[in-house]
């Protein structure tokens, strides 16, 4: 995580490579995936962040924090029906 943040701060062309590999190596680590998703979102890569939140929600479908963040990403990506469904859930 720290390495990725340093790469972002240095305007690296591919700051997420190591973190993506680490998430792939430890796919069941929810906290790592959550931090990855948050970083993606904070850098404006909403589609990739949404993908990660979808994976997180598959494993914890009733988590209100995950649902609300995923709904906001859906809204940002103009997936309004999906966003509304998550907000209602």
N, C-alpha and C. Protein backbone atom coordinates (compact mmCIF):
# COMPACT_ATOMS: atom_id res chain seq x y z
N UNK A 1 0.82 -1.18 0.00
CA UNK A 1 0.00 0.00 0.00
C UNK A 1 0.87 1.25 0.00
N UNK A 2 1.88 1.25 0.84
CA UNK A 2 2.76 2.41 0.92
C UNK A 2 3.48 2.63 -0.40
N UNK A 3 3.98 1.54 -0.99
CA UNK A 3 4.68 1.65 -2.28
C UNK A 3 3.74 2.25 -3.32
N UNK A 4 2.51 1.80 -3.37
CA UNK A 4 1.54 2.31 -4.33
C UNK A 4 1.29 3.80 -4.10
N UNK A 5 1.13 4.19 -2.85
CA UNK A 5 0.91 5.60 -2.56
C UNK A 5 2.11 6.44 -2.98
N UNK A 6 3.30 5.92 -2.75
CA UNK A 6 4.51 6.64 -3.19
C UNK A 6 4.54 6.78 -4.71
N UNK A 7 4.17 5.74 -5.41
CA UNK A 7 4.15 5.79 -6.87
C UNK A 7 3.10 6.79 -7.37
N UNK A 8 1.97 6.84 -6.70
CA UNK A 8 0.94 7.83 -7.05
C UNK A 8 1.48 9.24 -6.82
N UNK A 9 2.11 9.44 -5.67
CA UNK A 9 2.65 10.75 -5.33
C UNK A 9 3.73 11.20 -6.31
N UNK A 10 4.44 10.23 -6.89
CA UNK A 10 5.50 10.55 -7.85
C UNK A 10 4.99 10.56 -9.29
N UNK A 11 3.68 10.47 -9.45
CA UNK A 11 3.03 10.48 -10.78
C UNK A 11 3.55 9.37 -11.69
N UNK A 12 3.74 8.20 -11.11
CA UNK A 12 4.15 7.04 -11.89
C UNK A 12 3.08 6.70 -12.92
N UNK A 13 3.51 6.18 -14.06
CA UNK A 13 2.55 5.80 -15.10
C UNK A 13 1.68 4.62 -14.69
N UNK A 14 2.21 3.72 -13.89
CA UNK A 14 1.48 2.51 -13.49
C UNK A 14 1.64 2.28 -11.99
N UNK A 15 1.02 3.11 -11.18
CA UNK A 15 1.26 2.99 -9.74
C UNK A 15 0.61 1.76 -9.09
N UNK A 16 -0.33 1.13 -9.77
CA UNK A 16 -1.09 0.05 -9.13
C UNK A 16 -0.58 -1.35 -9.46
N UNK A 17 0.49 -1.47 -10.22
CA UNK A 17 0.94 -2.79 -10.67
C UNK A 17 1.24 -3.72 -9.49
N UNK A 18 2.06 -3.29 -8.57
CA UNK A 18 2.42 -4.15 -7.43
C UNK A 18 1.21 -4.48 -6.57
N UNK A 19 0.37 -3.50 -6.31
CA UNK A 19 -0.81 -3.73 -5.47
C UNK A 19 -1.78 -4.68 -6.16
N UNK A 20 -1.97 -4.53 -7.45
CA UNK A 20 -2.85 -5.44 -8.19
C UNK A 20 -2.32 -6.88 -8.14
N UNK A 21 -1.02 -7.04 -8.27
CA UNK A 21 -0.42 -8.37 -8.17
C UNK A 21 -0.60 -8.95 -6.76
N UNK A 22 -0.48 -8.10 -5.76
CA UNK A 22 -0.63 -8.56 -4.38
C UNK A 22 -2.07 -8.97 -4.11
N UNK A 23 -3.03 -8.20 -4.61
CA UNK A 23 -4.44 -8.56 -4.45
C UNK A 23 -4.73 -9.88 -5.17
N UNK A 24 -4.14 -10.06 -6.34
CA UNK A 24 -4.32 -11.31 -7.09
C UNK A 24 -3.70 -12.50 -6.34
N UNK A 25 -2.59 -12.26 -5.67
CA UNK A 25 -1.92 -13.33 -4.91
C UNK A 25 -2.68 -13.69 -3.64
N UNK A 26 -3.43 -12.73 -3.09
CA UNK A 26 -4.19 -12.94 -1.86
C UNK A 26 -5.65 -12.53 -2.09
N UNK A 27 -6.36 -13.24 -2.94
CA UNK A 27 -7.71 -12.82 -3.33
C UNK A 27 -8.73 -12.83 -2.20
N UNK A 28 -8.46 -13.55 -1.13
CA UNK A 28 -9.41 -13.62 -0.02
C UNK A 28 -9.17 -12.56 1.05
N UNK A 29 -8.15 -11.74 0.86
CA UNK A 29 -7.85 -10.69 1.83
C UNK A 29 -8.75 -9.49 1.57
N UNK A 30 -9.85 -9.42 2.30
CA UNK A 30 -10.86 -8.38 2.09
C UNK A 30 -10.32 -6.98 2.37
N UNK A 31 -9.54 -6.84 3.42
CA UNK A 31 -9.01 -5.52 3.78
C UNK A 31 -8.08 -4.99 2.70
N UNK A 32 -7.23 -5.85 2.17
CA UNK A 32 -6.32 -5.46 1.10
C UNK A 32 -7.11 -5.03 -0.14
N UNK A 33 -8.11 -5.82 -0.51
CA UNK A 33 -8.93 -5.49 -1.67
C UNK A 33 -9.70 -4.18 -1.45
N UNK A 34 -10.17 -3.97 -0.23
CA UNK A 34 -10.89 -2.74 0.08
C UNK A 34 -9.97 -1.52 -0.07
N UNK A 35 -8.77 -1.62 0.44
CA UNK A 35 -7.83 -0.51 0.30
C UNK A 35 -7.48 -0.26 -1.17
N UNK A 36 -7.33 -1.32 -1.92
CA UNK A 36 -7.07 -1.22 -3.36
C UNK A 36 -8.23 -0.50 -4.05
N UNK A 37 -9.44 -0.91 -3.75
CA UNK A 37 -10.63 -0.29 -4.34
C UNK A 37 -10.72 1.19 -3.98
N UNK A 38 -10.44 1.51 -2.74
CA UNK A 38 -10.49 2.91 -2.30
C UNK A 38 -9.45 3.75 -3.02
N UNK A 39 -8.24 3.21 -3.16
CA UNK A 39 -7.20 3.95 -3.87
C UNK A 39 -7.57 4.17 -5.34
N UNK A 40 -8.12 3.13 -5.97
CA UNK A 40 -8.55 3.27 -7.35
C UNK A 40 -9.59 4.39 -7.48
N UNK A 41 -10.54 4.39 -6.58
CA UNK A 41 -11.57 5.42 -6.60
C UNK A 41 -11.02 6.80 -6.34
N UNK A 42 -10.10 6.91 -5.40
CA UNK A 42 -9.53 8.22 -5.08
C UNK A 42 -8.71 8.77 -6.24
N UNK A 43 -8.23 7.89 -7.10
CA UNK A 43 -7.47 8.32 -8.27
C UNK A 43 -8.35 8.49 -9.51
N UNK A 44 -9.66 8.31 -9.33
CA UNK A 44 -10.60 8.55 -10.43
C UNK A 44 -10.82 7.38 -11.36
N UNK A 45 -10.29 6.22 -11.00
CA UNK A 45 -10.52 5.02 -11.82
C UNK A 45 -11.76 4.31 -11.28
N UNK A 46 -12.92 4.92 -11.56
CA UNK A 46 -14.17 4.45 -10.98
C UNK A 46 -14.58 3.07 -11.48
N UNK A 47 -14.31 2.78 -12.73
CA UNK A 47 -14.69 1.47 -13.28
C UNK A 47 -13.91 0.35 -12.58
N UNK A 48 -12.62 0.54 -12.40
CA UNK A 48 -11.82 -0.48 -11.70
C UNK A 48 -12.20 -0.58 -10.24
N UNK A 49 -12.48 0.56 -9.62
CA UNK A 49 -12.92 0.55 -8.22
C UNK A 49 -14.24 -0.20 -8.09
N UNK A 50 -15.14 0.04 -9.03
CA UNK A 50 -16.44 -0.64 -9.01
C UNK A 50 -16.26 -2.15 -9.13
N UNK A 51 -15.33 -2.57 -9.97
CA UNK A 51 -15.05 -4.00 -10.12
C UNK A 51 -14.63 -4.60 -8.78
N UNK A 52 -13.76 -3.91 -8.08
CA UNK A 52 -13.27 -4.41 -6.80
C UNK A 52 -14.39 -4.42 -5.75
N UNK A 53 -15.23 -3.38 -5.75
CA UNK A 53 -16.35 -3.36 -4.81
C UNK A 53 -17.36 -4.46 -5.12
N UNK A 54 -17.53 -4.79 -6.39
CA UNK A 54 -18.41 -5.90 -6.76
C UNK A 54 -17.91 -7.21 -6.17
N UNK A 55 -16.60 -7.42 -6.24
CA UNK A 55 -16.00 -8.63 -5.65
C UNK A 55 -16.21 -8.63 -4.14
N UNK A 56 -15.98 -7.49 -3.52
CA UNK A 56 -16.18 -7.39 -2.07
C UNK A 56 -17.63 -7.68 -1.69
N UNK A 57 -18.57 -7.15 -2.47
CA UNK A 57 -19.99 -7.37 -2.17
C UNK A 57 -20.43 -8.81 -2.40
N UNK A 58 -19.78 -9.52 -3.30
CA UNK A 58 -20.09 -10.94 -3.49
C UNK A 58 -19.85 -11.71 -2.20
N UNK A 59 -18.85 -11.29 -1.45
CA UNK A 59 -18.47 -11.98 -0.22
C UNK A 59 -19.18 -11.44 1.02
N UNK A 60 -19.68 -10.22 0.92
CA UNK A 60 -20.34 -9.59 2.07
C UNK A 60 -21.48 -8.70 1.55
N UNK A 61 -22.55 -9.34 1.03
CA UNK A 61 -23.59 -8.60 0.32
C UNK A 61 -24.44 -7.65 1.15
N UNK A 62 -24.40 -7.77 2.46
CA UNK A 62 -25.23 -6.91 3.31
C UNK A 62 -24.42 -5.83 4.03
N UNK A 63 -23.17 -5.65 3.64
CA UNK A 63 -22.32 -4.66 4.27
C UNK A 63 -22.74 -3.26 3.80
N UNK A 64 -23.29 -2.48 4.70
CA UNK A 64 -23.84 -1.16 4.35
C UNK A 64 -22.78 -0.21 3.79
N UNK A 65 -21.59 -0.24 4.35
CA UNK A 65 -20.51 0.64 3.86
C UNK A 65 -20.13 0.28 2.43
N UNK A 66 -19.99 -1.02 2.17
CA UNK A 66 -19.65 -1.45 0.81
C UNK A 66 -20.78 -1.11 -0.17
N UNK A 67 -22.01 -1.36 0.25
CA UNK A 67 -23.15 -1.06 -0.61
C UNK A 67 -23.24 0.42 -0.96
N UNK A 68 -23.07 1.27 0.02
CA UNK A 68 -23.19 2.70 -0.25
C UNK A 68 -22.07 3.21 -1.15
N UNK A 69 -20.86 2.73 -0.93
CA UNK A 69 -19.75 3.15 -1.79
C UNK A 69 -19.93 2.61 -3.20
N UNK A 70 -20.33 1.35 -3.32
CA UNK A 70 -20.58 0.78 -4.65
C UNK A 70 -21.72 1.51 -5.36
N UNK A 71 -22.73 1.93 -4.62
CA UNK A 71 -23.83 2.68 -5.21
C UNK A 71 -23.35 4.03 -5.73
N UNK A 72 -22.49 4.69 -4.97
CA UNK A 72 -21.95 5.97 -5.42
C UNK A 72 -21.10 5.80 -6.68
N UNK A 73 -20.33 4.71 -6.74
CA UNK A 73 -19.55 4.44 -7.95
C UNK A 73 -20.47 4.16 -9.14
N UNK A 74 -21.52 3.37 -8.90
CA UNK A 74 -22.50 3.12 -9.97
C UNK A 74 -23.09 4.44 -10.46
N UNK A 75 -23.44 5.30 -9.54
CA UNK A 75 -24.01 6.59 -9.89
C UNK A 75 -23.03 7.41 -10.73
N UNK A 76 -21.77 7.43 -10.30
CA UNK A 76 -20.73 8.17 -11.02
C UNK A 76 -20.56 7.63 -12.45
N UNK A 77 -20.72 6.32 -12.60
CA UNK A 77 -20.57 5.68 -13.90
C UNK A 77 -21.87 5.68 -14.70
N UNK A 78 -22.89 6.33 -14.15
CA UNK A 78 -24.20 6.46 -14.79
C UNK A 78 -24.96 5.13 -14.90
N UNK A 79 -24.70 4.24 -13.95
CA UNK A 79 -25.48 3.00 -13.83
C UNK A 79 -26.55 3.25 -12.77
N UNK A 80 -27.50 4.09 -13.13
CA UNK A 80 -28.46 4.59 -12.16
C UNK A 80 -29.35 3.51 -11.55
N UNK A 81 -29.80 2.55 -12.37
CA UNK A 81 -30.64 1.48 -11.84
C UNK A 81 -29.89 0.65 -10.80
N UNK A 82 -28.63 0.31 -11.12
CA UNK A 82 -27.81 -0.47 -10.18
C UNK A 82 -27.55 0.33 -8.90
N UNK A 83 -27.31 1.63 -9.05
CA UNK A 83 -27.08 2.48 -7.88
C UNK A 83 -28.31 2.51 -6.99
N UNK A 84 -29.46 2.71 -7.60
CA UNK A 84 -30.71 2.75 -6.84
C UNK A 84 -30.98 1.44 -6.12
N UNK A 85 -30.72 0.34 -6.78
CA UNK A 85 -30.91 -0.97 -6.16
C UNK A 85 -30.01 -1.13 -4.93
N UNK A 86 -28.78 -0.70 -5.05
CA UNK A 86 -27.86 -0.80 -3.90
C UNK A 86 -28.28 0.15 -2.76
N UNK A 87 -28.69 1.36 -3.11
CA UNK A 87 -29.16 2.28 -2.07
C UNK A 87 -30.36 1.72 -1.33
N UNK A 88 -31.27 1.09 -2.06
CA UNK A 88 -32.45 0.50 -1.42
C UNK A 88 -32.10 -0.68 -0.54
N UNK A 89 -31.10 -1.45 -0.94
CA UNK A 89 -30.70 -2.63 -0.17
C UNK A 89 -30.16 -2.16 1.18
